[in-house]
Every structure is written in C-alpha cells, then in structure tokens.
Protein backbone atom coordinates (compact mmCIF):
# COMPACT_ATOMS: atom_id res chain seq x y z
CA UNK A 1 122.05 139.61 193.82
CA UNK A 2 122.56 142.05 190.95
CA UNK A 3 119.58 143.12 188.79
CA UNK A 4 119.70 144.98 185.49
CA UNK A 5 116.59 147.09 184.90
CA UNK A 6 116.16 147.87 181.21
CA UNK A 7 114.20 151.10 181.10
CA UNK A 8 114.98 151.80 184.74
CA UNK A 9 114.81 155.59 184.35
CA UNK A 10 111.25 155.54 183.05
CA UNK A 11 107.93 155.68 184.86
CA UNK A 12 107.55 152.02 185.84
CA UNK A 13 111.27 151.34 185.92
CA UNK A 14 112.02 154.08 188.42
CA UNK A 15 109.55 152.55 190.89
CA UNK A 16 111.03 149.09 190.37
CA UNK A 17 114.48 150.54 191.11
CA UNK A 18 113.07 152.03 194.33
CA UNK A 19 111.65 148.66 195.31
CA UNK A 20 114.91 146.83 194.61
CA UNK A 21 117.05 149.35 196.49
CA UNK A 22 114.79 149.10 199.53
CA UNK A 23 115.35 145.33 199.43
CA UNK A 24 119.15 145.92 199.24
CA UNK A 25 119.72 144.58 195.72
CA UNK A 26 122.64 145.69 193.56
CA UNK A 27 121.06 147.56 190.66
CA UNK A 28 122.23 148.43 187.15
CA UNK A 29 120.02 150.63 184.96
CA UNK A 30 120.09 150.73 181.17
CA UNK A 31 118.11 153.52 179.53
CA UNK A 32 118.40 155.98 176.69
CA UNK A 33 118.32 159.04 178.95
CA UNK A 34 118.56 160.01 182.64
CA UNK A 35 115.50 159.98 184.89
CA UNK A 36 113.41 163.12 184.42
CA UNK A 37 112.20 163.69 187.96
CA UNK A 38 115.17 162.82 190.19
CA UNK A 39 118.98 162.90 190.20
CA UNK A 40 120.90 159.60 189.84
CA UNK A 41 121.29 157.30 192.83
CA UNK A 42 124.83 156.83 194.10
CA UNK A 43 124.18 153.11 194.61
CA UNK A 44 123.01 152.52 191.03
CA UNK A 45 125.29 152.01 188.03
CA UNK A 46 123.80 153.67 184.94
CA UNK A 47 124.32 152.82 181.28
CA UNK A 48 122.84 155.43 178.95
CA UNK A 49 122.32 154.52 175.31
CA UNK A 50 119.96 153.04 172.75
CA UNK A 51 118.59 149.54 173.17
CA UNK A 52 120.23 148.69 169.83
CA UNK A 53 123.72 149.36 171.27
CA UNK A 54 124.78 145.76 171.85
CA UNK A 55 128.25 146.66 173.12
CA UNK A 56 126.84 148.88 175.88
CA UNK A 57 124.17 146.30 176.64
CA UNK A 58 126.81 143.59 177.03
CA UNK A 59 128.72 145.84 179.42
CA UNK A 60 125.58 146.49 181.49
CA UNK A 61 124.96 142.72 181.72
CA UNK A 62 128.34 141.89 183.28
CA UNK A 63 127.89 140.20 186.66
CA UNK A 64 124.08 140.42 186.47
CA UNK A 65 121.88 137.64 187.88
CA UNK A 66 118.44 138.83 186.74
CA UNK A 67 117.23 141.11 183.94
CA UNK A 68 113.99 143.09 184.19
CA UNK A 69 112.96 144.13 180.68
CA UNK A 70 110.66 147.16 180.48
CA UNK A 71 111.83 148.84 177.30
CA UNK A 72 109.24 149.63 174.65
CA UNK A 73 109.60 152.35 172.06
CA UNK A 74 105.91 152.32 171.12
CA UNK A 75 102.46 152.37 172.70
CA UNK A 76 99.19 150.84 171.46
CA UNK A 77 98.24 154.22 170.00
CA UNK A 78 101.52 154.76 168.10
CA UNK A 79 102.62 151.27 167.06
CA UNK A 80 100.32 150.96 164.03
CA UNK A 81 101.79 154.13 162.52
CA UNK A 82 105.00 152.25 161.70
CA UNK A 83 104.80 148.51 162.43
CA UNK A 84 108.19 147.91 160.79
CA UNK A 85 109.89 150.30 163.22
CA UNK A 86 107.99 148.62 166.06
CA UNK A 87 109.40 145.24 165.04
CA UNK A 88 112.92 146.55 164.55
CA UNK A 89 113.18 148.56 167.76
CA UNK A 90 111.37 146.17 170.11
CA UNK A 91 111.29 142.59 168.79
CA UNK A 92 114.68 142.45 167.06
CA UNK A 93 116.48 144.31 169.84
CA UNK A 94 114.96 141.97 172.43
CA UNK A 95 116.20 138.93 170.50
CA UNK A 96 119.66 140.51 170.46
CA UNK A 97 119.36 140.93 174.23
CA UNK A 98 118.54 137.23 174.64
CA UNK A 99 121.56 136.27 172.54
CA UNK A 100 123.85 138.40 174.69
CA UNK A 101 122.31 136.90 177.84
CA UNK A 102 123.23 133.45 176.55
CA UNK A 103 126.86 134.47 176.07
CA UNK A 104 126.87 135.90 179.62
CA UNK A 105 125.19 132.76 181.00
CA UNK A 106 122.28 134.78 182.42
CA UNK A 107 119.13 132.65 182.67
CA UNK A 108 116.66 134.80 184.60
CA UNK A 109 114.55 137.49 182.92
CA UNK A 110 111.37 139.25 184.02
CA UNK A 111 109.54 140.68 181.03
CA UNK A 112 106.71 143.20 181.27
CA UNK A 113 104.36 142.37 178.45
CA UNK A 114 100.83 143.80 178.21
CA UNK A 115 97.69 142.83 180.10
CA UNK A 116 95.44 144.33 177.47
CA UNK A 117 97.02 144.48 174.04
CA UNK A 118 98.05 140.79 173.87
CA UNK A 119 94.50 139.52 174.43
CA UNK A 120 92.70 141.64 171.85
CA UNK A 121 88.91 141.61 172.19
CA UNK A 122 88.22 139.35 175.20
CA UNK A 123 85.39 136.81 175.22
CA UNK A 124 85.44 136.67 179.03
CA UNK A 125 86.03 139.25 181.78
CA UNK A 126 88.09 139.27 183.91
CA UNK A 127 90.59 137.77 181.46
CA UNK A 128 92.74 134.82 182.62
CA UNK A 129 96.25 134.12 181.35
CA UNK A 130 94.90 131.15 179.35
CA UNK A 131 92.77 133.43 177.18
CA UNK A 132 93.54 133.33 173.44
CA UNK A 133 96.10 135.89 172.26
CA UNK A 134 94.48 137.89 169.44
CA UNK A 135 96.09 141.36 169.45
CA UNK A 136 94.60 144.05 167.22
CA UNK A 137 97.54 146.50 167.24
CA UNK A 138 101.21 146.14 166.35
CA UNK A 139 102.18 146.83 169.97
CA UNK A 140 100.28 143.73 171.07
CA UNK A 141 101.54 141.59 168.19
CA UNK A 142 105.16 142.42 169.07
CA UNK A 143 104.54 141.74 172.77
CA UNK A 144 103.13 138.31 171.90
CA UNK A 145 106.09 137.59 169.59
CA UNK A 146 108.53 138.46 172.38
CA UNK A 147 106.64 136.16 174.76
CA UNK A 148 106.93 133.35 172.21
CA UNK A 149 110.66 133.91 171.75
CA UNK A 150 111.10 133.80 175.51
CA UNK A 151 109.35 130.43 175.47
CA UNK A 152 111.58 129.23 172.64
CA UNK A 153 114.75 130.29 174.45
CA UNK A 154 113.47 128.58 177.60
CA UNK A 155 113.01 125.32 175.72
CA UNK A 156 116.23 125.44 173.69
CA UNK A 157 118.64 127.20 176.02
CA UNK A 158 117.32 126.86 179.58
CA UNK A 159 116.24 130.49 179.92
CA UNK A 160 114.00 131.03 182.95
CA UNK A 161 111.54 133.78 181.98
CA UNK A 162 108.81 135.33 184.10
CA UNK A 163 106.26 137.22 182.00
CA UNK A 164 104.07 139.79 183.75
CA UNK A 165 101.06 141.14 181.88
CA UNK A 166 100.12 144.38 183.64
CA UNK A 167 96.90 146.30 183.15
CA UNK A 168 97.13 150.12 183.03
CA UNK A 169 99.74 151.31 185.56
CA UNK A 170 99.43 154.83 186.92
CA UNK A 171 101.04 156.94 189.60
CA UNK A 172 103.79 159.49 190.25
CA UNK A 173 106.38 160.11 187.50
CA UNK A 174 104.08 159.02 184.68
CA UNK A 175 104.60 161.14 181.60
CA UNK A 176 103.58 160.89 177.96
CA UNK A 177 100.49 162.95 178.51
CA UNK A 178 97.93 162.48 175.73
CA UNK A 179 99.85 159.46 174.42
CA UNK A 180 99.55 156.93 177.22
CA UNK A 181 98.08 157.07 180.70
CA UNK A 182 94.47 158.22 181.04
CA UNK A 183 94.80 159.16 184.71
CA UNK A 184 97.95 161.24 184.23
CA UNK A 185 96.44 162.90 181.17
CA UNK A 186 93.05 163.69 182.71
CA UNK A 187 94.54 165.03 185.94
CA UNK A 188 97.03 167.19 184.07
CA UNK A 189 94.29 168.59 181.86
CA UNK A 190 92.24 169.47 184.93
CA UNK A 191 95.17 171.15 186.68
CA UNK A 192 95.79 173.18 183.53
CA UNK A 193 92.07 174.12 183.50
CA UNK A 194 91.61 172.49 180.12
CA UNK A 195 88.81 170.31 178.84
CA UNK A 196 89.22 166.55 179.17
CA UNK A 197 89.58 164.80 175.82
CA UNK A 198 88.22 161.27 175.45
CA UNK A 199 88.37 159.01 172.42
CA UNK A 200 84.89 157.58 171.83
CA UNK A 201 81.91 158.04 174.11
CA UNK A 202 83.67 157.28 177.40
CA UNK A 203 82.15 153.83 177.89
CA UNK A 204 85.44 152.00 177.17
CA UNK A 205 86.40 150.12 180.34
CA UNK A 206 89.92 149.48 181.60
CA UNK A 207 91.70 147.95 184.59
CA UNK A 208 93.99 150.34 186.52
CA UNK A 209 96.91 149.38 188.78
CA UNK A 210 98.97 151.67 191.01
CA UNK A 211 102.59 151.53 189.94
CA UNK A 212 104.08 150.60 193.33
CA UNK A 213 101.93 147.47 193.40
CA UNK A 214 103.41 146.45 190.05
CA UNK A 215 106.94 147.19 191.29
CA UNK A 216 106.32 145.05 194.37
CA UNK A 217 105.24 142.12 192.20
CA UNK A 218 108.46 142.40 190.17
CA UNK A 219 110.49 142.12 193.37
CA UNK A 220 108.43 139.18 194.64
CA UNK A 221 108.81 137.12 191.45
CA UNK A 222 112.59 137.57 191.66
CA UNK A 223 112.69 136.50 195.31
CA UNK A 224 110.50 133.46 194.64
CA UNK A 225 112.42 132.56 191.46
CA UNK A 226 109.13 132.45 189.59
CA UNK A 227 108.67 131.44 185.96
CA UNK A 228 105.62 131.44 183.72
CA UNK A 229 103.00 134.09 182.97
CA UNK A 230 100.86 136.12 185.37
CA UNK A 231 98.44 139.00 185.01
CA UNK A 232 98.85 142.06 187.22
CA UNK A 233 95.88 144.35 187.66
CA UNK A 234 93.02 145.25 189.96
CA UNK A 235 90.53 142.80 188.45
CA UNK A 236 88.02 145.64 188.07
CA UNK A 237 86.99 147.33 184.81
CA UNK A 238 86.21 151.04 185.10
CA UNK A 239 84.82 153.16 182.26
CA UNK A 240 86.53 156.38 181.23
CA UNK A 241 83.41 158.29 182.25
CA UNK A 242 83.50 156.69 185.71
CA UNK A 243 87.22 157.41 185.93
CA UNK A 244 86.65 161.10 185.14
CA UNK A 245 84.02 161.35 187.87
CA UNK A 246 86.38 159.73 190.39
CA UNK A 247 89.13 162.19 189.43
CA UNK A 248 86.73 165.14 189.75
CA UNK A 249 85.83 163.95 193.24
CA UNK A 250 89.49 163.65 194.26
CA UNK A 251 90.52 166.99 192.80
CA UNK A 252 87.31 168.76 193.84
CA UNK A 253 87.28 170.34 190.44
CA UNK A 254 84.93 170.21 187.47
CA UNK A 255 85.91 170.11 183.82
CA UNK A 256 84.10 169.78 180.54
CA UNK A 257 84.61 166.59 178.56
CA UNK A 258 85.16 166.64 174.81
CA UNK A 259 84.40 163.37 173.03
CA UNK A 260 86.13 162.59 169.76
CA UNK A 261 85.92 159.76 167.26
CA UNK A 262 86.64 156.32 168.71
CA UNK A 263 89.75 154.38 167.71
CA UNK A 264 89.47 150.98 166.04
CA UNK A 265 92.21 149.38 168.18
CA UNK A 266 90.46 150.29 171.46
CA UNK A 267 88.92 147.19 173.07
CA UNK A 268 85.54 148.02 174.58
CA UNK A 269 86.09 146.36 177.95
CA UNK A 270 88.86 144.44 179.69
CA UNK A 271 89.79 143.57 183.26
CA UNK A 272 92.41 141.06 184.34
CA UNK A 273 91.93 137.90 186.37
CA UNK A 274 94.71 138.11 188.98
CA UNK A 275 93.95 134.88 190.86
CA UNK A 276 97.13 133.23 189.52
CA UNK A 277 99.38 135.98 190.88
CA UNK A 278 97.60 135.66 194.22
CA UNK A 279 98.08 131.88 194.40
CA UNK A 280 101.64 131.77 193.03
CA UNK A 281 103.12 134.75 194.82
CA UNK A 282 100.68 135.83 197.53
CA UNK A 283 100.39 139.14 195.68
CA UNK A 284 97.42 141.41 195.33
CA UNK A 285 97.02 145.18 194.91
CA UNK A 286 97.32 147.14 198.14
CA UNK A 287 96.53 150.64 196.81
CA UNK A 288 92.87 151.35 196.04
CA UNK A 289 91.86 153.59 193.16
CA UNK A 290 90.76 156.28 195.60
CA UNK A 291 94.11 156.22 197.42
CA UNK A 292 96.03 156.02 194.15
CA UNK A 293 94.26 159.07 192.72
CA UNK A 294 95.05 160.98 195.90
CA UNK A 295 98.74 160.04 195.75
CA UNK A 296 98.99 160.92 192.07
CA UNK A 297 97.21 164.24 192.63
CA UNK A 298 99.61 165.15 195.43
CA UNK A 299 102.60 164.40 193.22
CA UNK A 300 101.25 166.37 190.26
CA UNK A 301 100.78 169.40 192.46
CA UNK A 302 104.48 169.31 193.38
CA UNK A 303 105.63 169.57 189.76
CA UNK A 304 103.25 172.31 188.59
C-alpha cells in the first residue's frame, strides 16, 4: 500500500513517516521544505512545493492508496491575524486536493483536525466527539469547514475519510517555539536559562499527547480501514502551572515564570474523551507524561 503524507517533513508528519516505514508501507511525502532534523530517507519519494501547487500535488498522488493530510499554515494563535489567508491557504487548498483525489480515484483520506479548537468552550470535560462545534478562532473554524467538506465529498463522491482530532501533541522534533507547543517552548526556555512566559495566570488546562502515540493511531486507522471521527489525547487536563512543575522535576532545574495578559481565544479547560478510539481501534496512549517529558528532554539536549 502506498501512502502520501502531506506535511510529512514536519513535526507530526515525520513521526507518522517513521511509523509507516516500520510497517513496510510505500511512502510519498509532500511538503514545502525538507525535514529540519534528519536527511531524506532513501525509501521515501519527496515532493517539495507549496500546497497550492496542484500540478505537483497531482504528481505526488499518482499510485497512492491513502492520503494523510497534516498541512496547516496557521495555528490558533496566528489564524485570527489574517482569517482570509487562513481560508485561502488551508480550506481552499484542501478542497483542491479533494478534487484532484477524485480525478485519481483515491477514496481514502486521514485528516488531522483539532481536538481543542473545533469544540470551542466545552460544556463537558472530557469532551466527546458528539460535542457541539463552536470554534472561537479562525484556525478552528477552518478545521470544522474542512471536516464538513470531507463529509460532503463522502456523501456525493464516495470518499472514505477518517478524521482524527488530536489534543496537544509534543515530543522530539517539535519546533515553532513560542508559537505552538507549550512543552517544547518551556523546556527550551529552561535550557537557555530564560524565564518561562505564560499567557494568563497559568490555570488554563490542556490535554497533552506524545507524538508517537498519535502516529501509531494514524497507522492503525489505515490498517483497519476506519472512517468517521475520533479524538486522540490522554483524557487528562493539566494546567500550565502543573505542567511547569512537572518539567522542573524532569529537568531538575528551576526557572522564574512571567505571566502576561491572557488571550481571548484560549479556552480555560479542555480534555478529550478517547473512549471511541479505544473501542473502535483498540488504541490508547502508551507514553505517560513523565516518560514523554524525559524523552523530549533527552532529545532537546542533543540539539543544543
């Protein structure tokens, strides 16, 4: 089976590629630039270009059985700065992708949505997949729109989408410090002997998932030919203040925390109900937060 990983040179994508290669899949990668941390794999065919390059995308799709779509040009913290660009680069380009898939007769797609931004302010925790979708940032609105288009293409054209809504993935090769990824950011600030910067008072609670657990789920849903929507997280909400203390314990290092004004789009608390992923796919996280912090710390020390 041949799999095209859109965004396969990025943080999450690189771990999905690892998982697929270990399972002996043929892998194509489409991304705008090479992987930062490692040289290319001889077994992988790479297509480097912008997501808007439909000719290159069509070439990358030749002979492909399944598409894993990870590309996003924005984050929750940047999407509201230019919602029009968010729509153009993510929603419109994804619809173009679906059109090309139709011409190539490719029916299977695994789409990584968001396990936080699509739900907005939850009225229940942990949040099940049936929760109302009330996003409060452009990033979440676009993710929901893409989910709806996947549903439309499934109904009209026989597309077979699997939508995964992950919580906050973390682990080796995560970049974008100070833009996305609290664990990567806090650990990097500590290693640089800088103060830790937190938006708000540190009581905001999030669900954290080690990246290899997410990659494993992506492989499993392909093998089981799954369709539908599932959350992927730990099921546990941890405050930023608690997270900082856990990181201090792992790194055996203290750092001052600087609190700044809270952001309106930050939901106060969210954790994901992962019972559906457990029942459908026999999946659950295997890496605890303590082990994940250790693994991430070890990796960060190798790149400093």
